Amino acid sequence: MQITTIGLDLAKNVFQVHGIDATGQVAVRKSLRRAQMLPFFTKLPPCLVGIEACGTSHHWARELIKLGHEVRLMPPAYVKPYVKRGKTDAADAEAVCEAVTRPTMRFVPVKSPEQQAALSMHRARDLLVQQRTQLINMTRGLLAEFGISPRGLNGRC
């Protein structure tokens, strides 16, 4: 029984794997710790791996592509309709496995480290601008409590 498709649910430390063979029968259903991920996928022949697009998905996608697997990232909102039962990691991995095989599914391109670095720089700048605005507004509010307005004392000037 050769695994053809895998649904991978990522987490901080424990990842859930759900794999099926060419007939659609479940071939593997297991949890992996972070240290077990690459050795597990190294032993597998190249297959289709579906992952929900999230914080660490681009890193893991690049690592799995290096091992010869075909990796497809999907927005979580597109995977949600495929969850058949309660929200568990195993159910999510199964839903990802099913969703990745759908012909109409839309995928997210895997970002390079350079693209991620540029995006993180933009996010950091946006956060600094937001915090600066909050600080200015807080200072204005505090000064107003002491009767100081942006136009001078007591609104004069």
N, C-alpha and C. Protein backbone atom coordinates (compact mmCIF):
# COMPACT_ATOMS: atom_id res chain seq x y z
N MET A 1 0.85 -1.18 0.00
CA MET A 1 0.00 0.00 0.00
C MET A 1 0.90 1.25 0.00
N GLN A 2 0.90 1.98 -1.10
CA GLN A 2 1.73 3.17 -1.23
C GLN A 2 0.89 4.41 -1.01
N ILE A 3 1.38 5.31 -0.18
CA ILE A 3 0.68 6.56 0.12
C ILE A 3 0.81 7.49 -1.08
N THR A 4 -0.33 8.02 -1.54
CA THR A 4 -0.32 8.94 -2.67
C THR A 4 -0.63 10.37 -2.26
N THR A 5 -1.42 10.53 -1.20
CA THR A 5 -1.84 11.86 -0.76
C THR A 5 -1.80 11.94 0.76
N ILE A 6 -1.29 13.06 1.27
CA ILE A 6 -1.21 13.26 2.71
C ILE A 6 -1.84 14.60 3.06
N GLY A 7 -2.64 14.59 4.12
CA GLY A 7 -3.14 15.83 4.72
C GLY A 7 -2.35 16.05 5.99
N LEU A 8 -1.77 17.22 6.12
CA LEU A 8 -0.90 17.51 7.27
C LEU A 8 -1.48 18.68 8.05
N ASP A 9 -1.77 18.45 9.33
CA ASP A 9 -2.26 19.51 10.20
C ASP A 9 -1.10 19.97 11.07
N LEU A 10 -0.67 21.21 10.89
CA LEU A 10 0.48 21.74 11.63
C LEU A 10 0.04 22.31 12.96
N ALA A 11 0.94 22.23 13.93
CA ALA A 11 0.73 22.83 15.24
C ALA A 11 2.10 23.29 15.75
N LYS A 12 2.19 23.62 17.03
CA LYS A 12 3.48 24.07 17.56
C LYS A 12 4.45 22.91 17.72
N ASN A 13 4.00 21.83 18.33
CA ASN A 13 4.91 20.73 18.62
C ASN A 13 4.49 19.38 18.05
N VAL A 14 3.19 19.14 17.97
CA VAL A 14 2.69 17.84 17.49
C VAL A 14 1.89 18.05 16.22
N PHE A 15 2.27 17.33 15.17
CA PHE A 15 1.60 17.44 13.87
C PHE A 15 0.81 16.17 13.60
N GLN A 16 -0.33 16.32 12.95
CA GLN A 16 -1.18 15.18 12.63
C GLN A 16 -1.07 14.87 11.15
N VAL A 17 -0.85 13.59 10.81
CA VAL A 17 -0.71 13.15 9.43
C VAL A 17 -1.87 12.22 9.10
N HIS A 18 -2.48 12.44 7.94
CA HIS A 18 -3.53 11.56 7.43
C HIS A 18 -3.19 11.26 5.98
N GLY A 19 -2.87 10.00 5.69
CA GLY A 19 -2.47 9.63 4.35
C GLY A 19 -3.39 8.59 3.74
N ILE A 20 -3.60 8.69 2.42
CA ILE A 20 -4.43 7.72 1.72
C ILE A 20 -3.64 7.14 0.54
N ASP A 21 -4.08 5.97 0.08
CA ASP A 21 -3.45 5.35 -1.09
C ASP A 21 -4.24 5.70 -2.34
N ALA A 22 -3.88 5.10 -3.47
CA ALA A 22 -4.50 5.42 -4.76
C ALA A 22 -5.99 5.08 -4.78
N THR A 23 -6.43 4.13 -3.97
CA THR A 23 -7.84 3.75 -3.95
C THR A 23 -8.67 4.61 -2.99
N GLY A 24 -8.01 5.48 -2.23
CA GLY A 24 -8.71 6.34 -1.28
C GLY A 24 -8.81 5.74 0.11
N GLN A 25 -8.20 4.58 0.32
CA GLN A 25 -8.22 3.94 1.64
C GLN A 25 -7.17 4.59 2.55
N VAL A 26 -7.48 4.68 3.82
CA VAL A 26 -6.55 5.29 4.78
C VAL A 26 -5.32 4.39 4.91
N ALA A 27 -4.15 4.97 4.65
CA ALA A 27 -2.90 4.23 4.72
C ALA A 27 -2.12 4.58 5.99
N VAL A 28 -2.25 5.80 6.45
CA VAL A 28 -1.56 6.21 7.67
C VAL A 28 -2.37 7.29 8.37
N ARG A 29 -2.39 7.20 9.68
CA ARG A 29 -3.06 8.18 10.52
C ARG A 29 -2.26 8.23 11.81
N LYS A 30 -1.45 9.26 11.96
CA LYS A 30 -0.58 9.30 13.15
C LYS A 30 -0.19 10.71 13.51
N SER A 31 0.30 10.84 14.74
CA SER A 31 0.83 12.11 15.23
C SER A 31 2.35 12.07 15.15
N LEU A 32 2.93 13.21 14.82
CA LEU A 32 4.39 13.31 14.76
C LEU A 32 4.85 14.51 15.58
N ARG A 33 5.93 14.31 16.31
CA ARG A 33 6.55 15.44 16.99
C ARG A 33 7.41 16.19 15.96
N ARG A 34 7.77 17.39 16.30
CA ARG A 34 8.55 18.24 15.38
C ARG A 34 9.81 17.52 14.89
N ALA A 35 10.52 16.86 15.77
CA ALA A 35 11.76 16.18 15.39
C ALA A 35 11.52 14.97 14.49
N GLN A 36 10.31 14.44 14.49
CA GLN A 36 9.99 13.26 13.68
C GLN A 36 9.52 13.61 12.27
N MET A 37 9.22 14.87 12.02
CA MET A 37 8.63 15.27 10.73
C MET A 37 9.52 14.93 9.54
N LEU A 38 10.71 15.47 9.50
CA LEU A 38 11.56 15.26 8.33
C LEU A 38 11.97 13.80 8.16
N PRO A 39 12.33 13.07 9.22
CA PRO A 39 12.63 11.65 9.02
C PRO A 39 11.44 10.86 8.47
N PHE A 40 10.21 11.17 8.91
CA PHE A 40 9.03 10.48 8.41
C PHE A 40 8.85 10.72 6.91
N PHE A 41 8.94 11.98 6.49
CA PHE A 41 8.72 12.31 5.08
C PHE A 41 9.91 11.90 4.20
N THR A 42 11.10 11.78 4.79
CA THR A 42 12.26 11.31 4.03
C THR A 42 12.07 9.87 3.60
N LYS A 43 11.44 9.06 4.45
CA LYS A 43 11.23 7.64 4.15
C LYS A 43 10.12 7.41 3.12
N LEU A 44 9.24 8.39 2.94
CA LEU A 44 8.12 8.23 2.01
C LEU A 44 8.55 8.50 0.57
N PRO A 45 8.00 7.74 -0.38
CA PRO A 45 8.21 8.12 -1.79
C PRO A 45 7.48 9.44 -2.05
N PRO A 46 7.89 10.21 -3.05
CA PRO A 46 7.24 11.49 -3.32
C PRO A 46 5.73 11.34 -3.49
N CYS A 47 4.99 12.23 -2.83
CA CYS A 47 3.53 12.20 -2.91
C CYS A 47 3.00 13.62 -2.80
N LEU A 48 1.69 13.75 -2.93
CA LEU A 48 1.01 15.04 -2.80
C LEU A 48 0.75 15.30 -1.32
N VAL A 49 1.18 16.47 -0.84
CA VAL A 49 0.99 16.83 0.57
C VAL A 49 0.18 18.12 0.62
N GLY A 50 -0.96 18.07 1.32
CA GLY A 50 -1.79 19.25 1.50
C GLY A 50 -1.60 19.81 2.89
N ILE A 51 -1.48 21.14 2.99
CA ILE A 51 -1.28 21.82 4.27
C ILE A 51 -2.15 23.07 4.28
N GLU A 52 -2.78 23.36 5.41
CA GLU A 52 -3.48 24.64 5.55
C GLU A 52 -2.44 25.75 5.63
N ALA A 53 -2.67 26.84 4.92
CA ALA A 53 -1.75 27.97 4.96
C ALA A 53 -1.85 28.64 6.33
N CYS A 54 -0.72 28.67 7.04
CA CYS A 54 -0.68 29.28 8.37
C CYS A 54 0.74 29.79 8.61
N GLY A 55 1.04 30.15 9.84
CA GLY A 55 2.33 30.75 10.17
C GLY A 55 3.55 29.95 9.77
N THR A 56 3.56 28.66 9.99
CA THR A 56 4.75 27.86 9.70
C THR A 56 4.63 27.03 8.43
N SER A 57 3.51 27.15 7.74
CA SER A 57 3.27 26.28 6.58
C SER A 57 4.27 26.50 5.44
N HIS A 58 4.71 27.73 5.23
CA HIS A 58 5.65 27.99 4.14
C HIS A 58 7.01 27.34 4.42
N HIS A 59 7.43 27.38 5.68
CA HIS A 59 8.69 26.72 6.05
C HIS A 59 8.61 25.22 5.80
N TRP A 60 7.54 24.59 6.30
CA TRP A 60 7.42 23.14 6.14
C TRP A 60 7.22 22.77 4.67
N ALA A 61 6.52 23.60 3.92
CA ALA A 61 6.34 23.33 2.49
C ALA A 61 7.69 23.32 1.78
N ARG A 62 8.54 24.30 2.09
CA ARG A 62 9.87 24.32 1.46
C ARG A 62 10.69 23.09 1.82
N GLU A 63 10.60 22.67 3.08
CA GLU A 63 11.36 21.49 3.52
C GLU A 63 10.87 20.23 2.81
N LEU A 64 9.56 20.08 2.66
CA LEU A 64 9.00 18.90 2.01
C LEU A 64 9.27 18.91 0.51
N ILE A 65 9.28 20.08 -0.09
CA ILE A 65 9.60 20.19 -1.52
C ILE A 65 11.05 19.74 -1.76
N LYS A 66 11.94 20.09 -0.83
CA LYS A 66 13.34 19.66 -0.94
C LYS A 66 13.45 18.13 -0.96
N LEU A 67 12.51 17.46 -0.27
CA LEU A 67 12.51 16.00 -0.22
C LEU A 67 11.83 15.37 -1.43
N GLY A 68 11.31 16.19 -2.34
CA GLY A 68 10.71 15.68 -3.57
C GLY A 68 9.20 15.58 -3.56
N HIS A 69 8.56 16.00 -2.49
CA HIS A 69 7.10 15.94 -2.42
C HIS A 69 6.48 17.14 -3.14
N GLU A 70 5.25 16.95 -3.62
CA GLU A 70 4.48 18.05 -4.20
C GLU A 70 3.61 18.61 -3.09
N VAL A 71 3.84 19.87 -2.73
CA VAL A 71 3.14 20.48 -1.60
C VAL A 71 2.18 21.55 -2.11
N ARG A 72 0.96 21.51 -1.59
CA ARG A 72 -0.05 22.52 -1.92
C ARG A 72 -0.60 23.12 -0.63
N LEU A 73 -0.57 24.43 -0.56
CA LEU A 73 -1.11 25.14 0.60
C LEU A 73 -2.51 25.65 0.26
N MET A 74 -3.42 25.54 1.23
CA MET A 74 -4.80 25.97 1.02
C MET A 74 -5.22 26.92 2.14
N PRO A 75 -6.02 27.93 1.82
CA PRO A 75 -6.56 28.79 2.88
C PRO A 75 -7.45 27.98 3.83
N PRO A 76 -7.33 28.19 5.13
CA PRO A 76 -8.13 27.43 6.10
C PRO A 76 -9.64 27.53 5.85
N ALA A 77 -10.11 28.67 5.38
CA ALA A 77 -11.55 28.83 5.13
C ALA A 77 -12.04 27.88 4.04
N TYR A 78 -11.15 27.51 3.10
CA TYR A 78 -11.54 26.60 2.03
C TYR A 78 -11.52 25.15 2.48
N VAL A 79 -10.79 24.86 3.55
CA VAL A 79 -10.69 23.49 4.05
C VAL A 79 -11.83 23.19 5.01
N LYS A 80 -12.31 24.20 5.72
CA LYS A 80 -13.32 24.02 6.77
C LYS A 80 -14.55 23.21 6.33
N PRO A 81 -15.08 23.42 5.12
CA PRO A 81 -16.27 22.64 4.72
C PRO A 81 -16.03 21.13 4.64
N TYR A 82 -14.78 20.71 4.59
CA TYR A 82 -14.47 19.28 4.47
C TYR A 82 -14.32 18.58 5.81
N VAL A 83 -14.39 19.33 6.92
CA VAL A 83 -14.31 18.72 8.25
C VAL A 83 -15.64 18.02 8.52
N LYS A 84 -15.58 16.70 8.75
CA LYS A 84 -16.81 15.91 8.89
C LYS A 84 -17.32 15.83 10.32
N ARG A 85 -16.44 15.95 11.27
CA ARG A 85 -16.85 15.82 12.67
C ARG A 85 -16.17 16.91 13.48
N GLY A 86 -16.18 16.77 14.79
CA GLY A 86 -15.64 17.80 15.68
C GLY A 86 -14.25 18.28 15.32
N LYS A 87 -13.94 19.49 15.75
CA LYS A 87 -12.65 20.11 15.43
C LYS A 87 -11.54 19.47 16.26
N THR A 88 -10.86 18.53 15.66
CA THR A 88 -9.68 17.92 16.27
C THR A 88 -8.57 17.96 15.24
N ASP A 89 -7.35 17.75 15.67
CA ASP A 89 -6.23 17.75 14.73
C ASP A 89 -6.37 16.63 13.71
N ALA A 90 -6.82 15.46 14.16
CA ALA A 90 -6.99 14.32 13.25
C ALA A 90 -8.07 14.61 12.21
N ALA A 91 -9.16 15.22 12.64
CA ALA A 91 -10.25 15.56 11.70
C ALA A 91 -9.78 16.63 10.72
N ASP A 92 -9.00 17.58 11.20
CA ASP A 92 -8.47 18.62 10.32
C ASP A 92 -7.52 18.02 9.27
N ALA A 93 -6.66 17.10 9.69
CA ALA A 93 -5.73 16.47 8.75
C ALA A 93 -6.49 15.68 7.69
N GLU A 94 -7.54 15.00 8.10
CA GLU A 94 -8.37 14.26 7.15
C GLU A 94 -9.05 15.21 6.16
N ALA A 95 -9.56 16.33 6.67
CA ALA A 95 -10.21 17.31 5.81
C ALA A 95 -9.22 17.91 4.81
N VAL A 96 -8.01 18.19 5.25
CA VAL A 96 -6.97 18.72 4.37
C VAL A 96 -6.65 17.71 3.28
N CYS A 97 -6.57 16.44 3.67
CA CYS A 97 -6.27 15.37 2.72
C CYS A 97 -7.36 15.29 1.65
N GLU A 98 -8.60 15.44 2.05
CA GLU A 98 -9.69 15.39 1.07
C GLU A 98 -9.72 16.65 0.21
N ALA A 99 -9.52 17.81 0.84
CA ALA A 99 -9.62 19.08 0.12
C ALA A 99 -8.52 19.23 -0.94
N VAL A 100 -7.34 18.72 -0.66
CA VAL A 100 -6.22 18.91 -1.59
C VAL A 100 -6.43 18.17 -2.91
N THR A 101 -7.30 17.16 -2.91
CA THR A 101 -7.55 16.39 -4.13
C THR A 101 -8.66 16.97 -4.99
N ARG A 102 -9.36 17.98 -4.50
CA ARG A 102 -10.48 18.56 -5.24
C ARG A 102 -9.97 19.39 -6.42
N PRO A 103 -10.56 19.20 -7.60
CA PRO A 103 -10.07 19.92 -8.78
C PRO A 103 -10.35 21.42 -8.75
N THR A 104 -11.35 21.84 -8.00
CA THR A 104 -11.69 23.27 -7.96
C THR A 104 -11.04 24.01 -6.79
N MET A 105 -10.24 23.32 -6.00
CA MET A 105 -9.61 23.94 -4.83
C MET A 105 -8.61 25.01 -5.28
N ARG A 106 -8.57 26.10 -4.54
CA ARG A 106 -7.62 27.18 -4.83
C ARG A 106 -6.45 27.05 -3.87
N PHE A 107 -5.26 27.29 -4.38
CA PHE A 107 -4.06 27.09 -3.58
C PHE A 107 -3.29 28.39 -3.40
N VAL A 108 -2.49 28.42 -2.35
CA VAL A 108 -1.64 29.56 -2.03
C VAL A 108 -0.22 29.22 -2.47
N PRO A 109 0.45 30.10 -3.22
CA PRO A 109 1.83 29.79 -3.61
C PRO A 109 2.75 29.76 -2.39
N VAL A 110 3.73 28.88 -2.41
CA VAL A 110 4.70 28.78 -1.31
C VAL A 110 5.65 29.97 -1.43
N LYS A 111 5.81 30.69 -0.32
CA LYS A 111 6.68 31.87 -0.31
C LYS A 111 8.13 31.47 -0.07
N SER A 112 9.03 32.19 -0.70
CA SER A 112 10.45 31.97 -0.47
C SER A 112 10.84 32.69 0.83
N PRO A 113 12.01 32.35 1.41
CA PRO A 113 12.43 33.07 2.62
C PRO A 113 12.57 34.57 2.38
N GLU A 114 13.00 34.96 1.17
CA GLU A 114 13.14 36.38 0.86
C GLU A 114 11.78 37.09 0.85
N GLN A 115 10.76 36.42 0.29
CA GLN A 115 9.42 37.00 0.28
C GLN A 115 8.89 37.13 1.70
N GLN A 116 9.12 36.11 2.52
CA GLN A 116 8.66 36.17 3.91
C GLN A 116 9.38 37.27 4.69
N ALA A 117 10.68 37.46 4.41
CA ALA A 117 11.44 38.52 5.09
C ALA A 117 10.89 39.89 4.72
N ALA A 118 10.59 40.11 3.44
CA ALA A 118 10.03 41.39 3.01
C ALA A 118 8.67 41.64 3.65
N LEU A 119 7.82 40.61 3.69
CA LEU A 119 6.50 40.76 4.31
C LEU A 119 6.61 41.03 5.80
N SER A 120 7.55 40.38 6.47
CA SER A 120 7.70 40.60 7.91
C SER A 120 8.19 42.03 8.18
N MET A 121 9.03 42.57 7.31
CA MET A 121 9.48 43.94 7.45
C MET A 121 8.30 44.91 7.31
N HIS A 122 7.42 44.66 6.33
CA HIS A 122 6.24 45.51 6.15
C HIS A 122 5.30 45.41 7.35
N ARG A 123 5.13 44.19 7.89
CA ARG A 123 4.26 44.02 9.07
C ARG A 123 4.83 44.74 10.28
N ALA A 124 6.15 44.68 10.45
CA ALA A 124 6.78 45.36 11.58
C ALA A 124 6.60 46.87 11.46
N ARG A 125 6.77 47.40 10.24
CA ARG A 125 6.59 48.84 10.02
C ARG A 125 5.15 49.24 10.30
N ASP A 126 4.19 48.47 9.83
CA ASP A 126 2.77 48.77 10.08
C ASP A 126 2.49 48.79 11.59
N LEU A 127 3.07 47.86 12.32
CA LEU A 127 2.87 47.82 13.77
C LEU A 127 3.46 49.07 14.43
N LEU A 128 4.65 49.48 13.99
CA LEU A 128 5.26 50.69 14.56
C LEU A 128 4.40 51.93 14.28
N VAL A 129 3.86 52.05 13.09
CA VAL A 129 2.99 53.19 12.75
C VAL A 129 1.74 53.16 13.61
N GLN A 130 1.16 51.98 13.79
CA GLN A 130 -0.04 51.83 14.61
C GLN A 130 0.25 52.21 16.07
N GLN A 131 1.37 51.73 16.60
CA GLN A 131 1.71 52.04 18.00
C GLN A 131 2.00 53.53 18.17
N ARG A 132 2.64 54.16 17.17
CA ARG A 132 2.91 55.61 17.24
C ARG A 132 1.60 56.38 17.30
N THR A 133 0.64 55.99 16.46
CA THR A 133 -0.66 56.66 16.44
C THR A 133 -1.37 56.48 17.79
N GLN A 134 -1.31 55.29 18.35
CA GLN A 134 -1.92 55.05 19.66
C GLN A 134 -1.29 55.92 20.74
N LEU A 135 0.03 56.05 20.70
CA LEU A 135 0.74 56.85 21.70
C LEU A 135 0.37 58.33 21.58
N ILE A 136 0.29 58.82 20.35
CA ILE A 136 -0.09 60.22 20.13
C ILE A 136 -1.50 60.46 20.64
N ASN A 137 -2.43 59.56 20.31
CA ASN A 137 -3.82 59.73 20.76
C ASN A 137 -3.92 59.64 22.27
N MET A 138 -3.16 58.75 22.92
CA MET A 138 -3.19 58.64 24.37
C MET A 138 -2.64 59.92 25.00
N THR A 139 -1.57 60.45 24.44
CA THR A 139 -0.98 61.68 24.97
C THR A 139 -1.95 62.85 24.85
N ARG A 140 -2.63 62.96 23.71
CA ARG A 140 -3.64 64.01 23.54
C ARG A 140 -4.73 63.89 24.60
N GLY A 141 -5.19 62.66 24.85
CA GLY A 141 -6.23 62.44 25.86
C GLY A 141 -5.77 62.84 27.25
N LEU A 142 -4.53 62.48 27.59
CA LEU A 142 -4.01 62.83 28.92
C LEU A 142 -3.85 64.34 29.05
N LEU A 143 -3.34 64.99 28.02
CA LEU A 143 -3.20 66.45 28.07
C LEU A 143 -4.56 67.13 28.19
N ALA A 144 -5.57 66.58 27.50
CA ALA A 144 -6.91 67.16 27.57
C ALA A 144 -7.45 67.09 28.99
N GLU A 145 -7.08 66.06 29.75
CA GLU A 145 -7.53 65.94 31.14
C GLU A 145 -6.96 67.06 32.01
N PHE A 146 -5.86 67.65 31.57
CA PHE A 146 -5.25 68.76 32.32
C PHE A 146 -5.58 70.12 31.68
N GLY A 147 -6.53 70.10 30.75
CA GLY A 147 -6.98 71.34 30.14
C GLY A 147 -6.10 71.82 28.99
N ILE A 148 -5.23 70.99 28.54
CA ILE A 148 -4.35 71.39 27.44
C ILE A 148 -4.89 70.75 26.16
N SER A 149 -5.20 71.60 25.18
CA SER A 149 -5.70 71.08 23.92
C SER A 149 -4.62 71.28 22.85
N PRO A 150 -4.79 70.65 21.70
CA PRO A 150 -3.78 70.81 20.64
C PRO A 150 -3.62 72.26 20.18
N ARG A 151 -4.63 73.11 20.47
CA ARG A 151 -4.57 74.50 20.04
C ARG A 151 -4.03 75.41 21.13
N GLY A 152 -3.65 74.86 22.27
CA GLY A 152 -3.13 75.68 23.34
C GLY A 152 -3.93 75.50 24.62
N LEU A 153 -3.72 76.35 25.60
CA LEU A 153 -4.40 76.24 26.88
C LEU A 153 -5.86 76.58 26.75
N ASN A 154 -6.69 75.73 27.32
CA ASN A 154 -8.15 75.94 27.40
C ASN A 154 -8.78 76.25 26.05
N GLY A 155 -8.23 75.75 25.01
CA GLY A 155 -8.84 75.92 23.70
C GLY A 155 -8.60 77.29 23.08
N ARG A 156 -7.87 78.18 23.78
CA ARG A 156 -7.58 79.52 23.23
C ARG A 156 -6.38 79.41 22.31
N CYS A 157 -6.23 80.36 21.45
CA CYS A 157 -5.11 80.52 20.51
C CYS A 157 -5.39 79.91 19.18
